[in-house]
């Protein structure tokens, strides 16, 4: 049996959560106790492979999805992998 795993981009996850980049920046600032700019959130979305693990975990929590559902590589907003069992 095949296992299909879907991953969603950071931008798509943010939009699905009904948040703007500035709102995410404010929530991350509160979470980490240090200023996070809207530009940093934009940079994470443009360069997902450079997102530190702590930020990936925080974004997943903020968006209400498991971190494994987020896509931390370049490409389309939705991708999948198929593993044969």
C-alpha atoms as a PDB file:
ATOM      1  CA  UNK A   1       0.000   0.000   0.000  1.00  0.00           C
ATOM      2  CA  UNK A   2       1.271   3.516  -0.814  1.00  0.00           C
ATOM      3  CA  UNK A   3       1.523   6.362   1.636  1.00  0.00           C
ATOM      4  CA  UNK A   4       0.905   9.829   0.213  1.00  0.00           C
ATOM      5  CA  UNK A   5       2.225  12.755   2.218  1.00  0.00           C
ATOM      6  CA  UNK A   6       1.209  16.327   1.432  1.00  0.00           C
ATOM      7  CA  UNK A   7       3.127  19.434   2.489  1.00  0.00           C
ATOM      8  CA  UNK A   8       2.014  23.033   2.289  1.00  0.00           C
ATOM      9  CA  UNK A   9       4.169  26.128   1.797  1.00  0.00           C
ATOM     10  CA  UNK A  10       4.642  28.619   4.625  1.00  0.00           C
ATOM     11  CA  UNK A  11       2.737  31.263   2.672  1.00  0.00           C
ATOM     12  CA  UNK A  12      -0.195  28.948   1.975  1.00  0.00           C
ATOM     13  CA  UNK A  13      -0.294  27.867   5.631  1.00  0.00           C
ATOM     14  CA  UNK A  14      -0.322  31.521   6.735  1.00  0.00           C
ATOM     15  CA  UNK A  15      -3.109  32.403   4.316  1.00  0.00           C
ATOM     16  CA  UNK A  16      -5.118  29.331   5.366  1.00  0.00           C
ATOM     17  CA  UNK A  17      -4.745  30.478   8.977  1.00  0.00           C
ATOM     18  CA  UNK A  18      -6.231  33.857   7.974  1.00  0.00           C
ATOM     19  CA  UNK A  19      -3.144  35.836   8.957  1.00  0.00           C
ATOM     20  CA  UNK A  20      -1.139  38.639   7.346  1.00  0.00           C
ATOM     21  CA  UNK A  21       2.648  38.720   7.514  1.00  0.00           C
ATOM     22  CA  UNK A  22       2.617  41.595  10.012  1.00  0.00           C
ATOM     23  CA  UNK A  23       0.272  39.636  12.289  1.00  0.00           C
ATOM     24  CA  UNK A  24       2.577  36.611  12.153  1.00  0.00           C
ATOM     25  CA  UNK A  25       5.560  38.860  12.944  1.00  0.00           C
ATOM     26  CA  UNK A  26       3.770  40.277  15.982  1.00  0.00           C
ATOM     27  CA  UNK A  27       2.798  36.828  17.253  1.00  0.00           C
ATOM     28  CA  UNK A  28       6.338  35.518  16.750  1.00  0.00           C
ATOM     29  CA  UNK A  29       7.687  38.578  18.589  1.00  0.00           C
ATOM     30  CA  UNK A  30       5.440  37.754  21.543  1.00  0.00           C
ATOM     31  CA  UNK A  31       6.376  34.053  21.380  1.00  0.00           C
ATOM     32  CA  UNK A  32      10.145  34.624  21.298  1.00  0.00           C
ATOM     33  CA  UNK A  33      10.206  37.791  23.399  1.00  0.00           C
ATOM     34  CA  UNK A  34      12.210  39.628  20.746  1.00  0.00           C
ATOM     35  CA  UNK A  35      11.242  41.750  17.753  1.00  0.00           C
ATOM     36  CA  UNK A  36      10.463  39.796  14.577  1.00  0.00           C
ATOM     37  CA  UNK A  37       9.848  41.955  11.503  1.00  0.00           C
ATOM     38  CA  UNK A  38       7.319  41.451   8.734  1.00  0.00           C
ATOM     39  CA  UNK A  39      10.308  41.342   6.370  1.00  0.00           C
ATOM     40  CA  UNK A  40      11.696  38.349   8.257  1.00  0.00           C
ATOM     41  CA  UNK A  41       8.406  36.507   7.833  1.00  0.00           C
ATOM     42  CA  UNK A  42       8.491  37.380   4.119  1.00  0.00           C
ATOM     43  CA  UNK A  43      12.067  36.091   3.932  1.00  0.00           C
ATOM     44  CA  UNK A  44      11.027  32.812   5.576  1.00  0.00           C
ATOM     45  CA  UNK A  45       8.292  32.406   2.953  1.00  0.00           C
ATOM     46  CA  UNK A  46      10.719  33.210   0.101  1.00  0.00           C
ATOM     47  CA  UNK A  47      13.541  31.062   1.479  1.00  0.00           C
ATOM     48  CA  UNK A  48      11.900  28.264   3.479  1.00  0.00           C
ATOM     49  CA  UNK A  49      15.080  26.187   3.522  1.00  0.00           C
ATOM     50  CA  UNK A  50      16.643  28.869   5.789  1.00  0.00           C
ATOM     51  CA  UNK A  51      13.964  28.785   8.501  1.00  0.00           C
ATOM     52  CA  UNK A  52      15.531  27.870  11.870  1.00  0.00           C
ATOM     53  CA  UNK A  53      13.923  24.869  13.543  1.00  0.00           C
ATOM     54  CA  UNK A  54      12.576  26.939  16.456  1.00  0.00           C
ATOM     55  CA  UNK A  55      10.802  29.249  14.021  1.00  0.00           C
ATOM     56  CA  UNK A  56       9.427  26.307  12.049  1.00  0.00           C
ATOM     57  CA  UNK A  57       7.981  24.853  15.234  1.00  0.00           C
ATOM     58  CA  UNK A  58       6.520  28.231  16.245  1.00  0.00           C
ATOM     59  CA  UNK A  59       4.972  28.778  12.807  1.00  0.00           C
ATOM     60  CA  UNK A  60       3.386  25.329  12.832  1.00  0.00           C
ATOM     61  CA  UNK A  61       1.905  26.008  16.265  1.00  0.00           C
ATOM     62  CA  UNK A  62       0.687  29.435  15.157  1.00  0.00           C
ATOM     63  CA  UNK A  63      -0.902  28.005  11.993  1.00  0.00           C
ATOM     64  CA  UNK A  64      -2.459  25.114  13.911  1.00  0.00           C
ATOM     65  CA  UNK A  65      -0.836  22.313  11.908  1.00  0.00           C
ATOM     66  CA  UNK A  66       1.898  19.752  12.600  1.00  0.00           C
ATOM     67  CA  UNK A  67       5.372  20.956  11.604  1.00  0.00           C
ATOM     68  CA  UNK A  68       5.682  17.888   9.357  1.00  0.00           C
ATOM     69  CA  UNK A  69       2.917  19.343   7.165  1.00  0.00           C
ATOM     70  CA  UNK A  70       4.977  22.449   6.386  1.00  0.00           C
ATOM     71  CA  UNK A  71       7.222  22.537   3.351  1.00  0.00           C
ATOM     72  CA  UNK A  72      10.724  23.880   4.035  1.00  0.00           C
ATOM     73  CA  UNK A  73      12.030  23.773   0.454  1.00  0.00           C
ATOM     74  CA  UNK A  74      11.444  25.856  -2.670  1.00  0.00           C
ATOM     75  CA  UNK A  75       8.737  24.887  -5.118  1.00  0.00           C
ATOM     76  CA  UNK A  76       5.026  25.006  -5.651  1.00  0.00           C
ATOM     77  CA  UNK A  77       2.618  25.714  -2.808  1.00  0.00           C
ATOM     78  CA  UNK A  78       1.671  22.055  -2.570  1.00  0.00           C
ATOM     79  CA  UNK A  79       3.851  19.013  -3.080  1.00  0.00           C
ATOM     80  CA  UNK A  80       3.667  15.352  -2.322  1.00  0.00           C
ATOM     81  CA  UNK A  81       5.870  12.338  -1.940  1.00  0.00           C
ATOM     82  CA  UNK A  82       4.838   8.751  -2.404  1.00  0.00           C
ATOM     83  CA  UNK A  83       6.418   5.996  -0.336  1.00  0.00           C
ATOM     84  CA  UNK A  84       5.740   2.387  -1.148  1.00  0.00           C
ATOM     85  CA  UNK A  85       5.034   0.108   1.759  1.00  0.00           C
END
